[in-house]
Amino acid sequence: MRIVSSERRTPNVIPELPQDSARAESGLARAESPRELARGTDPALTSVEKKPDTNPFAKARAGTNPFARVEMGPGETGPFQRVDAPDLKDLEERLARCMATLTMHFQPIVHAATRKRFGYEALMRTTDKALPHPGAILDAAERLEKIPTVGRAVRAQTAKVFSEAPVERGVVFINLHLLDLLDKQLTSAFAPLTKISSRVVLEITERTSLQGQADVRYRVAELRELGFKIAIDDLGGGHARMGTFSPFDTDFVKLDMSLVRDIDRQPMKQRLVKSVTELCREHGTQVIGEGVETEAEAQTLVELGCDLLQGYLIAKPAPPFADPL
């Protein structure tokens, strides 16, 4: 059997908790809300056949695409049909076009009780639509083994913006793919982001499973020694983050938007979030409610002990900096 990528995308959710629509997610950028920015499907991307993993990143990359499916070989039967691979050179050219117009947008994160600015999340955008959304860019980068290239470009642009921004802008959250964690440039003293590490929170994203990656915690400890803060992204979205990291390893926990959505009307979600905020408070870890869309959701999260809020209710992502100081 061979493994190829599937067109079908199913969002990760906490067992038995409904999620009312698909989430557009990427390791470095995301479509911020299932109601606001639905992720499209690019057949040219989703039909790329995966090559054998022969490079040093093979182990790290394993499991990064939970949407893979089995292609049946000759004589085998199954529910899936063979998908022809498109021209990888064309995919590489499309990725290069998007990277040439790469820019960063920033979505505010605020204190839950006062709505005062705490910082921003950096989100990748491109004006070239050869790849239709940030998730498609990350899919292409994974298949072309260019995740480190994309990650370095995102970090460099973000560092440039925040190195020139006044301290009143607060901190910046940046998503990391697992391969970014393994990129030695990330911990280089000469890397652009290292120079402003005290203002940077590195988010370990939901896109990548960390199971079996024994050296990840050591890399995170090294980053914290350089002054970076660490966030667990999308807690409750599928991967067992607390199985890899404890509150002692992290400074922030971001609740997955599947937990936040309609939390004001769902007691089960309220109990889950309450247990998370109580555990994190014991260890000095701040909890962020992500993807907040309604005032009722925001008020419920405040009552349950969330420290920070992010979402379209607060502000949409925008070029730096749309909101006044």
Protein backbone atom coordinates (compact mmCIF):
# COMPACT_ATOMS: atom_id res chain seq x y z
CA MET A 1 0.00 0.00 0.00
CA ARG A 2 1.00 3.57 -0.55
CA ILE A 3 -0.16 6.61 1.31
CA VAL A 4 -1.46 9.57 -0.63
CA SER A 5 -3.12 12.73 0.53
CA SER A 6 -6.90 12.91 0.59
CA GLU A 7 -9.25 15.65 -0.51
CA ARG A 8 -11.42 15.00 2.50
CA ARG A 9 -10.59 17.24 5.47
CA THR A 10 -12.05 16.46 8.86
CA PRO A 11 -11.38 18.86 11.77
CA ASN A 12 -9.85 17.55 14.95
CA VAL A 13 -12.20 17.85 17.89
CA ILE A 14 -12.49 16.69 21.47
CA PRO A 15 -14.39 13.36 21.52
CA GLU A 16 -18.16 13.78 21.73
CA LEU A 17 -17.97 17.55 21.43
CA PRO A 18 -19.65 18.78 18.22
CA GLN A 19 -17.87 21.20 15.94
CA ASP A 20 -20.30 23.11 13.76
CA SER A 21 -18.03 23.73 10.77
CA ALA A 22 -14.59 23.06 9.37
CA ARG A 23 -11.60 24.97 10.60
CA ALA A 24 -8.94 26.26 8.29
CA GLU A 25 -5.70 25.63 10.11
CA SER A 26 -2.05 25.77 9.32
CA GLY A 27 1.13 25.46 11.32
CA LEU A 28 2.12 29.04 10.62
CA ALA A 29 -1.17 30.72 9.91
CA ARG A 30 -4.83 29.97 10.14
CA ALA A 31 -8.28 30.92 8.94
CA GLU A 32 -9.34 32.31 12.26
CA SER A 33 -12.93 31.17 12.49
CA PRO A 34 -15.08 28.44 11.03
CA ARG A 35 -17.84 31.02 10.52
CA GLU A 36 -15.56 33.66 9.07
CA LEU A 37 -13.12 32.04 6.68
CA ALA A 38 -14.01 28.58 5.38
CA ARG A 39 -11.11 26.64 4.02
CA GLY A 40 -11.29 25.73 0.35
CA THR A 41 -9.99 22.57 -1.27
CA ASP A 42 -7.44 22.73 -4.06
CA PRO A 43 -7.60 19.45 -6.03
CA ALA A 44 -4.11 20.01 -7.40
CA LEU A 45 -2.77 20.06 -3.85
CA THR A 46 -4.84 17.35 -2.31
CA SER A 47 -3.99 14.76 -4.95
CA VAL A 48 -0.19 14.93 -4.60
CA GLU A 49 1.28 11.49 -4.03
CA LYS A 50 3.75 11.39 -1.15
CA LYS A 51 7.32 10.35 -1.85
CA PRO A 52 9.17 7.88 0.40
CA ASP A 53 10.64 9.53 3.48
CA THR A 54 14.40 9.29 2.99
CA ASN A 55 15.62 12.57 4.44
CA PRO A 56 16.58 13.41 8.06
CA PHE A 57 13.20 15.07 8.65
CA ALA A 58 11.24 11.92 7.80
CA LYS A 59 10.59 10.92 11.41
CA ALA A 60 9.57 14.44 12.35
CA ARG A 61 7.25 14.74 9.39
CA ALA A 62 5.50 11.45 10.05
CA GLY A 63 1.97 12.06 11.22
CA THR A 64 1.88 15.73 10.25
CA ASN A 65 -0.92 15.20 7.77
CA PRO A 66 -3.80 13.43 9.52
CA PHE A 67 -5.81 13.55 6.31
CA ALA A 68 -3.79 10.91 4.46
CA ARG A 69 -5.59 7.96 2.91
CA VAL A 70 -4.55 4.53 1.69
CA GLU A 71 -4.22 3.99 -2.06
CA MET A 72 -5.03 0.42 -2.96
CA GLY A 73 -2.47 -1.43 -5.07
CA PRO A 74 -3.08 -3.90 -7.91
CA GLY A 75 -5.46 -6.63 -6.87
CA GLU A 76 -6.42 -4.88 -3.65
CA THR A 77 -9.90 -3.65 -2.93
CA GLY A 78 -11.04 -0.73 -0.90
CA PRO A 79 -13.22 2.36 -0.86
CA PHE A 80 -10.60 4.67 -2.39
CA GLN A 81 -9.61 5.13 -6.00
CA ARG A 82 -6.14 5.94 -7.28
CA VAL A 83 -5.36 9.68 -7.45
CA ASP A 84 -2.95 10.85 -10.15
CA ALA A 85 -0.10 13.05 -8.89
CA PRO A 86 0.13 16.51 -10.48
CA ASP A 87 3.33 18.04 -11.73
CA LEU A 88 5.44 18.71 -8.64
CA LYS A 89 7.44 21.30 -10.54
CA ASP A 90 4.23 23.25 -11.07
CA LEU A 91 3.43 23.00 -7.36
CA GLU A 92 6.91 24.27 -6.52
CA GLU A 93 6.47 27.23 -8.87
CA ARG A 94 3.12 28.07 -7.29
CA LEU A 95 4.66 27.96 -3.83
CA ALA A 96 7.50 30.23 -4.97
CA ARG A 97 5.00 32.75 -6.33
CA CYS A 98 3.16 32.87 -3.03
CA MET A 99 6.38 33.20 -1.04
CA ALA A 100 7.43 36.12 -3.25
CA THR A 101 4.38 38.09 -2.09
CA LEU A 102 4.39 36.85 1.51
CA THR A 103 3.26 39.36 4.10
CA MET A 104 2.22 39.22 7.75
CA HIS A 105 -1.06 40.27 9.28
CA PHE A 106 -1.58 40.62 13.02
CA GLN A 107 -4.64 39.80 15.12
CA PRO A 108 -4.90 41.44 18.56
CA ILE A 109 -4.98 39.43 21.78
CA VAL A 110 -6.48 41.27 24.76
CA HIS A 111 -6.85 40.92 28.50
CA ALA A 112 -10.16 39.14 29.09
CA ALA A 113 -11.42 41.34 31.91
CA THR A 114 -10.43 44.77 30.58
CA ARG A 115 -10.08 44.21 26.79
CA LYS A 116 -6.77 46.07 26.92
CA ARG A 117 -4.13 45.01 24.40
CA PHE A 118 -1.78 42.21 25.42
CA GLY A 119 -0.20 41.43 22.06
CA TYR A 120 -0.87 39.94 18.63
CA GLU A 121 -0.75 36.71 16.73
CA ALA A 122 1.25 36.82 13.50
CA LEU A 123 -0.65 35.29 10.58
CA MET A 124 0.77 34.52 7.16
CA ARG A 125 -0.88 36.07 4.11
CA THR A 126 0.01 36.31 0.42
CA THR A 127 -1.39 38.41 -2.40
CA ASP A 128 -0.71 35.70 -4.99
CA LYS A 129 -3.56 33.19 -5.11
CA ALA A 130 -1.64 30.41 -6.84
CA LEU A 131 -2.26 28.60 -3.55
CA PRO A 132 -5.64 29.78 -2.25
CA HIS A 133 -5.08 30.07 1.50
CA PRO A 134 -2.36 29.73 4.17
CA GLY A 135 -3.23 26.09 4.83
CA ALA A 136 -2.64 25.28 1.16
CA ILE A 137 0.76 26.96 1.35
CA LEU A 138 1.69 24.79 4.32
CA ASP A 139 0.40 21.66 2.58
CA ALA A 140 2.56 22.42 -0.44
CA ALA A 141 5.58 23.20 1.75
CA GLU A 142 5.22 19.88 3.56
CA ARG A 143 5.05 17.90 0.33
CA LEU A 144 7.95 19.78 -1.20
CA GLU A 145 9.98 19.53 2.05
CA LYS A 146 10.19 23.32 2.33
CA ILE A 147 8.66 23.88 5.77
CA PRO A 148 11.94 25.28 7.18
CA THR A 149 12.13 27.75 4.27
CA VAL A 150 8.59 28.99 4.88
CA GLY A 151 9.12 29.13 8.64
CA ARG A 152 12.27 31.20 8.34
CA ALA A 153 10.56 33.67 6.01
CA VAL A 154 7.64 34.09 8.42
CA ARG A 155 9.91 34.58 11.42
CA ALA A 156 12.12 37.07 9.59
CA GLN A 157 9.17 39.22 8.51
CA THR A 158 7.59 39.11 11.95
CA ALA A 159 10.89 40.04 13.61
CA LYS A 160 11.27 43.01 11.28
CA VAL A 161 7.81 44.35 12.17
CA PHE A 162 8.17 43.91 15.92
CA SER A 163 11.75 45.11 16.16
CA GLU A 164 10.41 48.47 14.97
CA ALA A 165 7.20 48.41 17.01
CA PRO A 166 6.96 50.28 20.35
CA VAL A 167 6.78 48.18 23.51
CA GLU A 168 3.15 49.25 23.93
CA ARG A 169 2.30 46.80 21.16
CA GLY A 170 3.06 43.99 23.60
CA VAL A 171 4.20 40.52 22.57
CA VAL A 172 3.80 38.57 19.34
CA PHE A 173 2.65 34.94 19.06
CA ILE A 174 4.18 32.93 16.20
CA ASN A 175 3.09 29.44 15.16
CA LEU A 176 5.72 26.71 14.86
CA HIS A 177 5.55 23.54 12.82
CA LEU A 178 7.44 20.61 14.34
CA LEU A 179 10.13 20.96 11.68
CA ASP A 180 10.57 24.58 12.80
CA LEU A 181 11.31 23.31 16.31
CA LEU A 182 14.02 21.11 14.83
CA ASP A 183 15.48 23.93 12.73
CA LYS A 184 18.82 24.93 14.28
CA GLN A 185 18.41 28.49 13.03
CA LEU A 186 15.56 28.94 15.51
CA THR A 187 18.01 28.87 18.42
CA SER A 188 20.80 30.76 16.70
CA ALA A 189 21.94 33.90 18.48
CA PHE A 190 22.07 35.59 15.08
CA ALA A 191 18.51 34.74 14.02
CA PRO A 192 16.24 37.80 13.63
CA LEU A 193 13.69 36.51 16.13
CA THR A 194 16.28 35.79 18.82
CA LYS A 195 17.11 39.49 19.05
CA ILE A 196 13.57 40.23 20.27
CA SER A 197 12.99 36.94 22.10
CA SER A 198 11.63 38.66 25.23
CA ARG A 199 8.65 39.84 23.16
CA VAL A 200 7.98 36.54 21.39
CA VAL A 201 5.66 33.65 22.28
CA LEU A 202 6.24 30.53 20.19
CA GLU A 203 3.06 28.51 19.62
CA ILE A 204 3.41 24.78 19.18
CA THR A 205 0.58 24.16 16.78
CA GLU A 206 -2.18 21.58 16.49
CA ARG A 207 -1.12 20.72 12.95
CA THR A 208 1.65 18.41 14.09
CA SER A 209 1.55 15.46 16.45
CA LEU A 210 4.43 15.49 18.93
CA GLN A 211 4.11 11.85 19.94
CA GLY A 212 7.42 10.04 19.72
CA GLN A 213 9.47 13.23 19.45
CA ALA A 214 11.64 12.77 22.52
CA ASP A 215 13.93 15.71 21.84
CA VAL A 216 11.13 18.28 21.50
CA ARG A 217 11.04 19.09 25.22
CA TYR A 218 14.78 19.71 25.20
CA ARG A 219 14.41 22.09 22.27
CA VAL A 220 11.62 23.93 24.08
CA ALA A 221 13.79 24.23 27.19
CA GLU A 222 16.59 25.68 25.06
CA LEU A 223 14.21 28.24 23.56
CA ARG A 224 13.02 29.31 27.01
CA GLU A 225 16.63 29.84 28.07
CA LEU A 226 16.99 32.25 25.13
CA GLY A 227 14.07 34.31 26.48
CA PHE A 228 11.22 32.99 24.35
CA LYS A 229 7.90 32.14 25.96
CA ILE A 230 6.01 29.00 24.91
CA ALA A 231 2.34 28.41 24.19
CA ILE A 232 0.43 25.19 23.68
CA ASP A 233 -1.85 25.94 20.74
CA ASP A 234 -5.34 24.48 20.20
CA LEU A 235 -5.70 22.59 23.46
CA GLY A 236 -8.71 20.33 23.08
CA GLY A 237 -8.45 20.14 19.31
CA GLY A 238 -7.25 16.55 18.95
CA HIS A 239 -3.60 15.95 19.87
CA ALA A 240 -2.76 15.27 23.51
CA ARG A 241 -0.59 18.33 24.16
CA MET A 242 -0.58 17.84 27.93
CA GLY A 243 0.83 14.36 27.31
CA THR A 244 3.95 16.01 25.85
CA PHE A 245 4.09 19.19 27.92
CA SER A 246 3.03 20.02 31.44
CA PRO A 247 2.09 23.50 32.67
CA PHE A 248 5.67 23.73 33.94
CA ASP A 249 6.90 23.70 30.31
CA THR A 250 4.60 26.41 29.01
CA ASP A 251 3.59 29.99 29.67
CA PHE A 252 0.30 30.04 27.76
CA VAL A 253 -2.41 27.60 26.75
CA LYS A 254 -4.71 28.42 23.84
CA LEU A 255 -8.12 26.78 23.92
CA ASP A 256 -9.14 25.32 20.58
CA MET A 257 -12.00 27.23 18.99
CA SER A 258 -14.07 24.03 18.96
CA LEU A 259 -14.22 24.46 22.75
CA VAL A 260 -14.93 28.18 22.55
CA ARG A 261 -17.72 27.95 19.98
CA ASP A 262 -21.13 28.35 21.69
CA ILE A 263 -19.57 27.71 25.10
CA ASP A 264 -22.21 29.96 26.67
CA ARG A 265 -24.83 27.34 25.73
CA GLN A 266 -22.92 24.10 26.37
CA PRO A 267 -22.37 23.07 30.03
CA MET A 268 -20.00 20.23 29.11
CA LYS A 269 -17.60 22.64 27.42
CA GLN A 270 -17.87 24.96 30.41
CA ARG A 271 -16.83 22.19 32.78
CA LEU A 272 -13.88 21.26 30.59
CA VAL A 273 -12.65 24.83 30.29
CA LYS A 274 -13.10 25.42 34.02
CA SER A 275 -10.90 22.42 34.79
CA VAL A 276 -8.22 23.70 32.38
CA THR A 277 -8.18 27.23 33.82
CA GLU A 278 -7.96 25.92 37.40
CA LEU A 279 -5.06 23.60 36.56
CA CYS A 280 -3.20 26.33 34.67
CA ARG A 281 -3.74 28.91 37.41
CA GLU A 282 -2.04 26.59 39.91
CA HIS A 283 1.11 26.70 37.77
CA GLY A 284 1.01 30.32 36.61
CA THR A 285 0.06 29.44 33.04
CA GLN A 286 -2.25 31.90 31.28
CA VAL A 287 -5.25 30.63 29.29
CA ILE A 288 -6.32 32.22 26.00
CA GLY A 289 -9.79 31.78 24.54
CA GLU A 290 -9.24 31.69 20.77
CA GLY A 291 -11.78 32.26 18.01
CA VAL A 292 -14.21 34.28 20.13
CA GLU A 293 -17.07 35.49 17.96
CA THR A 294 -19.84 36.61 20.31
CA GLU A 295 -20.10 38.68 23.44
CA ALA A 296 -21.81 35.75 25.16
CA GLU A 297 -18.81 33.51 24.46
CA ALA A 298 -16.43 36.17 25.73
CA GLN A 299 -18.36 36.75 28.95
CA THR A 300 -18.58 33.03 29.66
CA LEU A 301 -14.83 32.61 29.15
CA VAL A 302 -14.18 35.46 31.59
CA GLU A 303 -16.42 33.79 34.18
CA LEU A 304 -14.61 30.48 33.68
CA GLY A 305 -11.23 32.07 34.37
CA CYS A 306 -9.70 32.75 30.96
CA ASP A 307 -6.97 35.37 31.11
CA LEU A 308 -6.87 36.50 27.47
CA LEU A 309 -9.18 36.59 24.45
CA GLN A 310 -8.65 36.48 20.69
CA GLY A 311 -11.11 36.40 17.81
CA TYR A 312 -13.22 38.37 15.39
CA LEU A 313 -15.25 39.81 18.27
CA ILE A 314 -12.07 41.62 19.33
CA ALA A 315 -10.60 42.40 15.90
CA LYS A 316 -9.86 40.84 12.53
CA PRO A 317 -6.28 40.22 11.37
CA ALA A 318 -4.85 43.25 9.60
CA PRO A 319 -1.55 44.65 8.33
CA PRO A 320 0.66 46.21 11.00
CA PHE A 321 -0.78 48.05 12.77
CA ALA A 322 -4.41 48.85 12.08
CA ASP A 323 -5.40 49.46 15.69
CA PRO A 324 -4.27 52.67 17.42
CA LEU A 325 -1.98 52.62 20.43
